[in-house]
Structures are given as C-alpha cells and as structure tokens.
Amino acid sequence: MIKAAIFGGSFNPIHYGHLITMQQAAEICAFDKVILIPAFISPLRRDVSMVSGEQRLKMIKLAIESDSLFEVSDFEIQKQGVSYTIETIREFKKLYNNLSLIIGYDNYQVFDKWKEPEEILDLCEVVVLKRKSNSEQVVTHEFADRFKFIDSPMIEISSTMIRERIKYGADVGYYTPDAVAEYIKRCGLYK
C-alpha cells in the first residue's frame, strides 16, 4: 500500500525551503510520495497577489521534474474557488487509503479555525513541521493531541522574500531551483 502525503500552499513561487522540508518529512515518516497541491485561492491568504495557478503549477513541475518522490496535482487549480483542505483530502482519500497531510507550525496554530478540522483529523494523519524555534511558542487547542510533530530544518527562505528580491532586481538563483528562477525571469513574474 502506498503511503502518500499531501502538502498544499500558494507556492508563489516554490522554493528550496518547501523542497527541503518535504524531503525531510518524507524521510522521517517513510512516505512513498509527497503530492504538492497549489491552492487556487487560499482561505487564509486572500490578500497576497499571486501569479496565475497555471504559472505556479508550471514552476512546481520545473522544481520537481527530476525527483520521483514528489508529484504535483492541479486538483485545486482545476476546481477553482477557495481551496479548502477538507475538500482536497476527501478527493485524495479516494486514491490513497494511507494518506497524511503535512502542515507547517503556523497552520497548526490556527488549525481549529479551518473548515471541518475534526473531519480532517478523522480522515488522515496530520504531520506538523516544527522548528526548534517554535518550542517557545507552545500553542494548544482542542485538537492538539491528535497531531504528529516532526522536527523541521530551519530554512530561512520564503516566497515573500523571493518576490521582494525579484521586485528589486536581486538574483534568486540560490533560493529556488534554477529552472524556476529562469522561468520567472523569462515570463517577467513578480516585477
């Protein structure tokens, strides 16, 4: 039986921080595959200006093309509208009995505000990426004991940082895979 995990986000753009933490989660949890799912519209990040779903999907494909651990799904892009995790999990449970959801500690902190959080926890294991720096920010909510916490490396790269660097003409080659950096430059994204 395939042990699969899904990891959603805006990926605006995808960067090494995403890839390194997903690889570590796969190693710790023995996932056979990690499926990256770009949100069409994130319910918690509606104010962020994003490039199109198709462009973010293309950047993910470029970033993972040589790594068989990773896959990408256009499920939320094709569905359009606000991307709710519970809807995505219901869809992927049709394909994978052994399904996990990977989230960052920032999402764990607000998990009780997600749409149908209890059903998410009933349908799949939720793995929380926890950095050592998060140990001082202990957050508990009614679901706190139902998560699997794993240590995540400190990767101080963010999509916001990359967009800002591009806006000011700085190089992003060490922040995101070369193929993604070239695509961003060729298409004139984030200027």
C-alpha atoms as a PDB file:
ATOM      1  CA  MET A   1       0.000   0.000   0.000  1.00  0.00           C
ATOM      2  CA  ILE A   2       1.369   3.402  -0.994  1.00  0.00           C
ATOM      3  CA  LYS A   3       1.944   5.801   1.880  1.00  0.00           C
ATOM      4  CA  ALA A   4       1.217   9.229   0.429  1.00  0.00           C
ATOM      5  CA  ALA A   5       1.261  12.724   1.848  1.00  0.00           C
ATOM      6  CA  ILE A   6      -0.202  15.936   0.511  1.00  0.00           C
ATOM      7  CA  PHE A   7       1.240  19.382   1.064  1.00  0.00           C
ATOM      8  CA  GLY A   8      -0.706  22.415  -0.048  1.00  0.00           C
ATOM      9  CA  GLY A   9       0.173  26.048  -0.318  1.00  0.00           C
ATOM     10  CA  SER A  10       0.308  29.011  -2.607  1.00  0.00           C
ATOM     11  CA  PHE A  11       3.813  28.130  -3.913  1.00  0.00           C
ATOM     12  CA  ASN A  12       4.117  31.726  -5.062  1.00  0.00           C
ATOM     13  CA  PRO A  13       6.840  30.728  -6.009  1.00  0.00           C
ATOM     14  CA  ILE A  14       8.047  27.305  -4.862  1.00  0.00           C
ATOM     15  CA  HIS A  15      11.495  27.418  -3.241  1.00  0.00           C
ATOM     16  CA  TYR A  16      14.142  25.260  -1.591  1.00  0.00           C
ATOM     17  CA  GLY A  17      12.533  25.700   1.822  1.00  0.00           C
ATOM     18  CA  HIS A  18       9.461  23.824   0.551  1.00  0.00           C
ATOM     19  CA  LEU A  19      11.527  21.090  -1.067  1.00  0.00           C
ATOM     20  CA  ILE A  20      13.964  20.514   1.798  1.00  0.00           C
ATOM     21  CA  THR A  21      11.259  20.315   4.454  1.00  0.00           C
ATOM     22  CA  MET A  22       9.125  17.994   2.307  1.00  0.00           C
ATOM     23  CA  GLN A  23      12.095  15.702   1.716  1.00  0.00           C
ATOM     24  CA  GLN A  24      12.809  15.580   5.461  1.00  0.00           C
ATOM     25  CA  ALA A  25       9.140  14.841   6.258  1.00  0.00           C
ATOM     26  CA  ALA A  26       9.166  12.016   3.705  1.00  0.00           C
ATOM     27  CA  GLU A  27      12.310  10.511   5.240  1.00  0.00           C
ATOM     28  CA  ILE A  28      11.047  10.720   8.838  1.00  0.00           C
ATOM     29  CA  CYS A  29       7.537   9.439   8.064  1.00  0.00           C
ATOM     30  CA  ALA A  30       8.551   6.958   5.312  1.00  0.00           C
ATOM     31  CA  PHE A  31       6.254   8.486   2.697  1.00  0.00           C
ATOM     32  CA  ASP A  32       6.409   6.864  -0.735  1.00  0.00           C
ATOM     33  CA  LYS A  33       5.308  10.093  -2.359  1.00  0.00           C
ATOM     34  CA  VAL A  34       4.595  13.699  -1.469  1.00  0.00           C
ATOM     35  CA  ILE A  35       1.996  15.446  -3.618  1.00  0.00           C
ATOM     36  CA  LEU A  36       2.319  19.220  -3.825  1.00  0.00           C
ATOM     37  CA  ILE A  37      -1.023  20.930  -4.371  1.00  0.00           C
ATOM     38  CA  PRO A  38      -1.059  24.628  -5.221  1.00  0.00           C
ATOM     39  CA  ALA A  39      -4.160  26.416  -3.934  1.00  0.00           C
ATOM     40  CA  PHE A  40      -6.310  28.322  -6.374  1.00  0.00           C
ATOM     41  CA  ILE A  41      -7.263  30.774  -3.610  1.00  0.00           C
ATOM     42  CA  SER A  42      -6.087  30.132  -0.057  1.00  0.00           C
ATOM     43  CA  PRO A  43      -8.764  30.895   2.553  1.00  0.00           C
ATOM     44  CA  LEU A  44      -6.109  32.302   4.905  1.00  0.00           C
ATOM     45  CA  ARG A  45      -4.081  34.289   2.368  1.00  0.00           C
ATOM     46  CA  ARG A  46      -6.543  36.087   0.151  1.00  0.00           C
ATOM     47  CA  ASP A  47      -4.614  39.366   0.304  1.00  0.00           C
ATOM     48  CA  VAL A  48      -1.433  38.035  -1.352  1.00  0.00           C
ATOM     49  CA  SER A  49      -1.103  38.940  -5.016  1.00  0.00           C
ATOM     50  CA  MET A  50      -0.398  35.728  -6.884  1.00  0.00           C
ATOM     51  CA  VAL A  51       0.617  34.816 -10.354  1.00  0.00           C
ATOM     52  CA  SER A  52      -1.825  32.516 -12.135  1.00  0.00           C
ATOM     53  CA  GLY A  53      -2.470  28.982 -10.978  1.00  0.00           C
ATOM     54  CA  GLU A  54      -1.082  27.660 -14.237  1.00  0.00           C
ATOM     55  CA  GLN A  55       2.176  29.567 -13.748  1.00  0.00           C
ATOM     56  CA  ARG A  56       2.574  28.328 -10.156  1.00  0.00           C
ATOM     57  CA  LEU A  57       1.801  24.783 -11.338  1.00  0.00           C
ATOM     58  CA  LYS A  58       4.457  25.088 -14.051  1.00  0.00           C
ATOM     59  CA  MET A  59       7.049  26.302 -11.534  1.00  0.00           C
ATOM     60  CA  ILE A  60       6.344  23.310  -9.274  1.00  0.00           C
ATOM     61  CA  LYS A  61       6.703  20.928 -12.220  1.00  0.00           C
ATOM     62  CA  LEU A  62      10.038  22.513 -13.101  1.00  0.00           C
ATOM     63  CA  ALA A  63      11.234  22.306  -9.488  1.00  0.00           C
ATOM     64  CA  ILE A  64      10.431  18.601  -9.028  1.00  0.00           C
ATOM     65  CA  GLU A  65      10.908  17.165 -12.518  1.00  0.00           C
ATOM     66  CA  SER A  66      13.999  15.133 -11.604  1.00  0.00           C
ATOM     67  CA  ASP A  67      12.774  13.798  -8.228  1.00  0.00           C
ATOM     68  CA  SER A  68      10.463  10.763  -8.212  1.00  0.00           C
ATOM     69  CA  LEU A  69       9.489  11.373  -4.558  1.00  0.00           C
ATOM     70  CA  PHE A  70       7.449  14.430  -5.499  1.00  0.00           C
ATOM     71  CA  GLU A  71       4.337  14.802  -7.611  1.00  0.00           C
ATOM     72  CA  VAL A  72       2.149  17.789  -8.313  1.00  0.00           C
ATOM     73  CA  SER A  73      -1.628  17.909  -8.557  1.00  0.00           C
ATOM     74  CA  ASP A  74      -3.724  20.534 -10.277  1.00  0.00           C
ATOM     75  CA  PHE A  75      -6.844  19.488  -8.329  1.00  0.00           C
ATOM     76  CA  GLU A  76      -7.378  22.834  -6.560  1.00  0.00           C
ATOM     77  CA  ILE A  77      -6.384  24.875  -9.621  1.00  0.00           C
ATOM     78  CA  GLN A  78      -8.905  22.996 -11.774  1.00  0.00           C
ATOM     79  CA  LYS A  79     -11.612  23.183  -9.090  1.00  0.00           C
ATOM     80  CA  GLN A  80     -11.075  26.940  -8.762  1.00  0.00           C
ATOM     81  CA  GLY A  81     -12.627  28.996  -5.983  1.00  0.00           C
ATOM     82  CA  VAL A  82     -11.380  28.999  -2.400  1.00  0.00           C
ATOM     83  CA  SER A  83      -9.269  25.911  -1.675  1.00  0.00           C
ATOM     84  CA  TYR A  84     -10.439  24.153   1.473  1.00  0.00           C
ATOM     85  CA  THR A  85      -8.196  21.340   2.702  1.00  0.00           C
ATOM     86  CA  ILE A  86     -11.100  19.098   3.697  1.00  0.00           C
ATOM     87  CA  GLU A  87     -12.370  19.000   0.099  1.00  0.00           C
ATOM     88  CA  THR A  88      -8.913  18.080  -1.185  1.00  0.00           C
ATOM     89  CA  ILE A  89      -8.485  15.352   1.423  1.00  0.00           C
ATOM     90  CA  ARG A  90     -11.863  13.832   0.549  1.00  0.00           C
ATOM     91  CA  GLU A  91     -10.771  13.664  -3.088  1.00  0.00           C
ATOM     92  CA  PHE A  92      -7.344  12.154  -2.361  1.00  0.00           C
ATOM     93  CA  LYS A  93      -8.765   9.585   0.073  1.00  0.00           C
ATOM     94  CA  LYS A  94     -10.447   8.061  -2.999  1.00  0.00           C
ATOM     95  CA  LEU A  95      -6.941   7.375  -4.348  1.00  0.00           C
ATOM     96  CA  TYR A  96      -4.908   6.640  -1.197  1.00  0.00           C
ATOM     97  CA  ASN A  97      -6.098   4.762   1.885  1.00  0.00           C
ATOM     98  CA  ASN A  98      -2.887   5.643   3.725  1.00  0.00           C
ATOM     99  CA  LEU A  99      -2.918   9.429   3.424  1.00  0.00           C
ATOM    100  CA  SER A 100      -1.214  12.104   5.507  1.00  0.00           C
ATOM    101  CA  LEU A 101      -1.440  15.873   5.414  1.00  0.00           C
ATOM    102  CA  ILE A 102       1.718  17.902   6.038  1.00  0.00           C
ATOM    103  CA  ILE A 103       1.319  21.381   7.508  1.00  0.00           C
ATOM    104  CA  GLY A 104       3.642  23.980   8.968  1.00  0.00           C
ATOM    105  CA  TYR A 105       3.537  25.067  12.583  1.00  0.00           C
ATOM    106  CA  ASP A 106       1.904  28.348  11.555  1.00  0.00           C
ATOM    107  CA  ASN A 107      -1.056  26.381  10.183  1.00  0.00           C
ATOM    108  CA  TYR A 108      -1.168  24.154  13.265  1.00  0.00           C
ATOM    109  CA  GLN A 109      -1.594  27.295  15.396  1.00  0.00           C
ATOM    110  CA  VAL A 110      -4.822  28.198  13.557  1.00  0.00           C
ATOM    111  CA  PHE A 111      -5.973  24.668  12.699  1.00  0.00           C
ATOM    112  CA  ASP A 112      -9.061  24.975  14.901  1.00  0.00           C
ATOM    113  CA  LYS A 113     -10.225  27.781  12.579  1.00  0.00           C
ATOM    114  CA  TRP A 114     -10.011  25.605   9.442  1.00  0.00           C
ATOM    115  CA  LYS A 115     -13.113  24.284   7.744  1.00  0.00           C
ATOM    116  CA  GLU A 116     -14.130  20.946   9.357  1.00  0.00           C
ATOM    117  CA  PRO A 117     -10.893  20.371  11.311  1.00  0.00           C
ATOM    118  CA  GLU A 118     -12.198  17.319  13.151  1.00  0.00           C
ATOM    119  CA  GLU A 119     -13.062  15.522   9.912  1.00  0.00           C
ATOM    120  CA  ILE A 120      -9.595  16.289   8.538  1.00  0.00           C
ATOM    121  CA  LEU A 121      -8.092  14.565  11.588  1.00  0.00           C
ATOM    122  CA  ASP A 122     -10.519  11.641  11.213  1.00  0.00           C
ATOM    123  CA  LEU A 123      -9.604  11.093   7.555  1.00  0.00           C
ATOM    124  CA  CYS A 124      -5.818  11.343   7.713  1.00  0.00           C
ATOM    125  CA  GLU A 125      -2.765  11.722   9.881  1.00  0.00           C
ATOM    126  CA  VAL A 126      -1.725  15.368  10.167  1.00  0.00           C
ATOM    127  CA  VAL A 127       2.026  15.874  10.337  1.00  0.00           C
ATOM    128  CA  VAL A 128       3.214  19.219  11.704  1.00  0.00           C
ATOM    129  CA  LEU A 129       6.626  20.558  10.728  1.00  0.00           C
ATOM    130  CA  LYS A 130       8.049  22.024  13.900  1.00  0.00           C
ATOM    131  CA  ARG A 131      11.223  24.058  14.036  1.00  0.00           C
ATOM    132  CA  LYS A 132      13.300  24.287  17.177  1.00  0.00           C
ATOM    133  CA  SER A 133      12.426  27.992  17.344  1.00  0.00           C
ATOM    134  CA  ASN A 134       8.733  27.032  17.679  1.00  0.00           C
ATOM    135  CA  SER A 135       9.358  25.381  21.053  1.00  0.00           C
ATOM    136  CA  GLU A 136       8.910  28.723  22.821  1.00  0.00           C
ATOM    137  CA  GLN A 137       5.588  29.343  21.057  1.00  0.00           C
ATOM    138  CA  VAL A 138       3.602  26.467  22.509  1.00  0.00           C
ATOM    139  CA  VAL A 139       0.068  26.640  21.178  1.00  0.00           C
ATOM    140  CA  THR A 140      -2.673  24.311  22.222  1.00  0.00           C
ATOM    141  CA  HIS A 141      -6.223  23.932  21.047  1.00  0.00           C
ATOM    142  CA  GLU A 142      -8.863  21.260  21.371  1.00  0.00           C
ATOM    143  CA  PHE A 143      -7.182  19.065  18.715  1.00  0.00           C
ATOM    144  CA  ALA A 144      -3.592  19.431  19.976  1.00  0.00           C
ATOM    145  CA  ASP A 145      -3.109  15.780  20.950  1.00  0.00           C
ATOM    146  CA  ARG A 146      -4.138  14.458  17.522  1.00  0.00           C
ATOM    147  CA  PHE A 147      -1.116  15.666  15.532  1.00  0.00           C
ATOM    148  CA  LYS A 148       2.230  14.092  14.734  1.00  0.00           C
ATOM    149  CA  PHE A 149       5.021  16.632  15.263  1.00  0.00           C
ATOM    150  CA  ILE A 150       8.335  16.230  13.476  1.00  0.00           C
ATOM    151  CA  ASP A 151      11.433  18.386  13.595  1.00  0.00           C
ATOM    152  CA  SER A 152      11.937  20.510  10.542  1.00  0.00           C
ATOM    153  CA  PRO A 153      15.179  22.188   9.498  1.00  0.00           C
ATOM    154  CA  MET A 154      15.447  25.954   9.825  1.00  0.00           C
ATOM    155  CA  ILE A 155      15.279  27.206   6.237  1.00  0.00           C
ATOM    156  CA  GLU A 156      15.009  30.970   6.245  1.00  0.00           C
ATOM    157  CA  ILE A 157      13.581  31.298   2.745  1.00  0.00           C
ATOM    158  CA  SER A 158      10.076  32.483   1.976  1.00  0.00           C
ATOM    159  CA  SER A 159       8.113  33.147  -1.183  1.00  0.00           C
ATOM    160  CA  THR A 160       7.624  36.730   0.036  1.00  0.00           C
ATOM    161  CA  MET A 161      11.407  37.166   0.270  1.00  0.00           C
ATOM    162  CA  ILE A 162      11.851  35.843  -3.262  1.00  0.00           C
ATOM    163  CA  ARG A 163       9.155  38.151  -4.665  1.00  0.00           C
ATOM    164  CA  GLU A 164      10.789  41.134  -2.927  1.00  0.00           C
ATOM    165  CA  ARG A 165      14.231  40.231  -4.282  1.00  0.00           C
ATOM    166  CA  ILE A 166      12.837  39.992  -7.819  1.00  0.00           C
ATOM    167  CA  LYS A 167      11.000  43.290  -7.428  1.00  0.00           C
ATOM    168  CA  TYR A 168      14.320  44.999  -6.610  1.00  0.00           C
ATOM    169  CA  GLY A 169      16.325  43.201  -9.295  1.00  0.00           C
ATOM    170  CA  ALA A 170      18.253  40.848  -6.997  1.00  0.00           C
ATOM    171  CA  ASP A 171      19.224  37.317  -8.013  1.00  0.00           C
ATOM    172  CA  VAL A 172      17.133  34.405  -6.672  1.00  0.00           C
ATOM    173  CA  GLY A 173      19.254  31.549  -8.003  1.00  0.00           C
ATOM    174  CA  TYR A 174      20.177  30.178  -4.572  1.00  0.00           C
ATOM    175  CA  TYR A 175      16.605  30.443  -3.266  1.00  0.00           C
ATOM    176  CA  THR A 176      14.731  28.373  -5.821  1.00  0.00           C
ATOM    177  CA  PRO A 177      15.770  25.759  -8.390  1.00  0.00           C
ATOM    178  CA  ASP A 178      17.498  27.193 -11.469  1.00  0.00           C
ATOM    179  CA  ALA A 179      14.684  26.094 -13.790  1.00  0.00           C
ATOM    180  CA  VAL A 180      12.180  28.021 -11.651  1.00  0.00           C
ATOM    181  CA  ALA A 181      14.392  31.129 -11.496  1.00  0.00           C
ATOM    182  CA  GLU A 182      14.794  31.022 -15.293  1.00  0.00           C
ATOM    183  CA  TYR A 183      11.029  30.618 -15.804  1.00  0.00           C
ATOM    184  CA  ILE A 184      10.314  33.588 -13.509  1.00  0.00           C
ATOM    185  CA  LYS A 185      12.810  35.734 -15.421  1.00  0.00           C
ATOM    186  CA  ARG A 186      11.612  34.598 -18.870  1.00  0.00           C
ATOM    187  CA  CYS A 187       7.964  35.316 -18.002  1.00  0.00           C
ATOM    188  CA  GLY A 188       8.689  38.573 -16.164  1.00  0.00           C
ATOM    189  CA  LEU A 189       6.924  37.400 -12.997  1.00  0.00           C
ATOM    190  CA  TYR A 190       6.834  39.362  -9.716  1.00  0.00           C
ATOM    191  CA  LYS A 191       8.131  42.638 -11.145  1.00  0.00           C
END
